[in-house]
Amino acid sequence: MATPDPSSLEARLEELETRLAFQEHALSEMSDALAQARHEAERNAELVRRVMEELKSSRASFLADPAEEPPPPHY
């Protein structure tokens, strides 16, 4: 069995280190993108909640009891 060439092993090690560095960088970018997406989803959920509350309150005013409304100004 032949012994591996030290320069070949060094080249393979460099290639593995390069790949690892690239993967760590890609993982970091994906983590940042995920955090940003979660933040945006939370913000959108809050906006939807507020819109629903406003819709409920405006719906209540549309369905108000006519007896509770003040008379028109010409009376």
C-alpha atoms as a PDB file:
ATOM      1  CA  MET A   1       0.000   0.000   0.000  1.00  0.00           C
ATOM      2  CA  ALA A   2       1.389   3.391  -0.997  1.00  0.00           C
ATOM      3  CA  THR A   3       1.678   6.181   1.529  1.00  0.00           C
ATOM      4  CA  PRO A   4      -0.373   9.268   0.705  1.00  0.00           C
ATOM      5  CA  ASP A   5       1.471  12.275  -0.655  1.00  0.00           C
ATOM      6  CA  PRO A   6       1.718  14.987   2.035  1.00  0.00           C
ATOM      7  CA  SER A   7       0.970  17.745  -0.493  1.00  0.00           C
ATOM      8  CA  SER A   8      -2.150  15.847  -1.601  1.00  0.00           C
ATOM      9  CA  LEU A   9      -3.325  15.562   2.003  1.00  0.00           C
ATOM     10  CA  GLU A  10      -2.645  19.247   2.543  1.00  0.00           C
ATOM     11  CA  ALA A  11      -4.638  20.157  -0.586  1.00  0.00           C
ATOM     12  CA  ARG A  12      -7.543  17.995   0.557  1.00  0.00           C
ATOM     13  CA  LEU A  13      -7.417  19.594   4.006  1.00  0.00           C
ATOM     14  CA  GLU A  14      -7.430  23.078   2.455  1.00  0.00           C
ATOM     15  CA  GLU A  15     -10.416  22.107   0.299  1.00  0.00           C
ATOM     16  CA  LEU A  16     -12.307  20.839   3.356  1.00  0.00           C
ATOM     17  CA  GLU A  17     -11.494  23.987   5.325  1.00  0.00           C
ATOM     18  CA  THR A  18     -12.683  26.127   2.411  1.00  0.00           C
ATOM     19  CA  ARG A  19     -15.926  24.187   2.167  1.00  0.00           C
ATOM     20  CA  LEU A  20     -16.455  24.431   5.918  1.00  0.00           C
ATOM     21  CA  ALA A  21     -15.892  28.194   5.868  1.00  0.00           C
ATOM     22  CA  PHE A  22     -18.358  28.559   2.975  1.00  0.00           C
ATOM     23  CA  GLN A  23     -20.969  26.466   4.776  1.00  0.00           C
ATOM     24  CA  GLU A  24     -20.536  28.427   8.010  1.00  0.00           C
ATOM     25  CA  HIS A  25     -20.997  31.668   6.068  1.00  0.00           C
ATOM     26  CA  ALA A  26     -24.086  30.329   4.282  1.00  0.00           C
ATOM     27  CA  LEU A  27     -25.525  29.100   7.577  1.00  0.00           C
ATOM     28  CA  SER A  28     -24.975  32.507   9.155  1.00  0.00           C
ATOM     29  CA  GLU A  29     -26.742  34.236   6.243  1.00  0.00           C
ATOM     30  CA  MET A  30     -29.654  31.803   6.462  1.00  0.00           C
ATOM     31  CA  SER A  31     -29.924  32.367  10.197  1.00  0.00           C
ATOM     32  CA  ASP A  32     -30.043  36.136   9.677  1.00  0.00           C
ATOM     33  CA  ALA A  33     -32.680  35.761   6.957  1.00  0.00           C
ATOM     34  CA  LEU A  34     -34.778  33.511   9.193  1.00  0.00           C
ATOM     35  CA  ALA A  35     -34.583  35.996  12.074  1.00  0.00           C
ATOM     36  CA  GLN A  36     -35.648  38.797   9.733  1.00  0.00           C
ATOM     37  CA  ALA A  37     -38.541  36.708   8.376  1.00  0.00           C
ATOM     38  CA  ARG A  38     -39.718  35.906  11.903  1.00  0.00           C
ATOM     39  CA  HIS A  39     -39.586  39.580  12.853  1.00  0.00           C
ATOM     40  CA  GLU A  40     -41.579  40.507   9.754  1.00  0.00           C
ATOM     41  CA  ALA A  41     -44.135  37.770  10.470  1.00  0.00           C
ATOM     42  CA  GLU A  42     -44.578  39.078  14.026  1.00  0.00           C
ATOM     43  CA  ARG A  43     -45.037  42.597  12.703  1.00  0.00           C
ATOM     44  CA  ASN A  44     -47.587  41.401  10.134  1.00  0.00           C
ATOM     45  CA  ALA A  45     -49.475  39.438  12.795  1.00  0.00           C
ATOM     46  CA  GLU A  46     -49.660  42.575  14.945  1.00  0.00           C
ATOM     47  CA  LEU A  47     -50.955  44.599  11.983  1.00  0.00           C
ATOM     48  CA  VAL A  48     -53.620  41.987  11.258  1.00  0.00           C
ATOM     49  CA  ARG A  49     -54.634  41.980  14.926  1.00  0.00           C
ATOM     50  CA  ARG A  50     -55.010  45.769  14.917  1.00  0.00           C
ATOM     51  CA  VAL A  51     -56.983  45.750  11.667  1.00  0.00           C
ATOM     52  CA  MET A  52     -59.319  43.086  13.063  1.00  0.00           C
ATOM     53  CA  GLU A  53     -59.897  45.168  16.202  1.00  0.00           C
ATOM     54  CA  GLU A  54     -60.652  48.255  14.107  1.00  0.00           C
ATOM     55  CA  LEU A  55     -62.983  46.241  11.887  1.00  0.00           C
ATOM     56  CA  LYS A  56     -64.837  44.883  14.907  1.00  0.00           C
ATOM     57  CA  SER A  57     -65.235  48.342  16.405  1.00  0.00           C
ATOM     58  CA  SER A  58     -66.400  49.867  13.117  1.00  0.00           C
ATOM     59  CA  ARG A  59     -68.813  46.954  12.544  1.00  0.00           C
ATOM     60  CA  ALA A  60     -70.301  47.623  15.963  1.00  0.00           C
ATOM     61  CA  SER A  61     -70.950  51.256  15.021  1.00  0.00           C
ATOM     62  CA  PHE A  62     -72.669  50.196  11.768  1.00  0.00           C
ATOM     63  CA  LEU A  63     -74.964  47.851  13.666  1.00  0.00           C
ATOM     64  CA  ALA A  64     -75.768  50.300  16.463  1.00  0.00           C
ATOM     65  CA  ASP A  65     -79.293  50.455  17.841  1.00  0.00           C
ATOM     66  CA  PRO A  66     -81.155  53.324  16.100  1.00  0.00           C
ATOM     67  CA  ALA A  67     -82.871  54.224  19.389  1.00  0.00           C
ATOM     68  CA  GLU A  68     -79.478  55.063  20.892  1.00  0.00           C
ATOM     69  CA  GLU A  69     -78.535  57.468  18.103  1.00  0.00           C
ATOM     70  CA  PRO A  70     -79.226  61.165  18.551  1.00  0.00           C
ATOM     71  CA  PRO A  71     -82.022  62.625  16.420  1.00  0.00           C
ATOM     72  CA  PRO A  72     -81.044  64.295  13.150  1.00  0.00           C
ATOM     73  CA  PRO A  73     -80.431  68.056  13.320  1.00  0.00           C
ATOM     74  CA  HIS A  74     -83.692  68.985  11.526  1.00  0.00           C
ATOM     75  CA  TYR A  75     -85.865  67.695  14.441  1.00  0.00           C
END
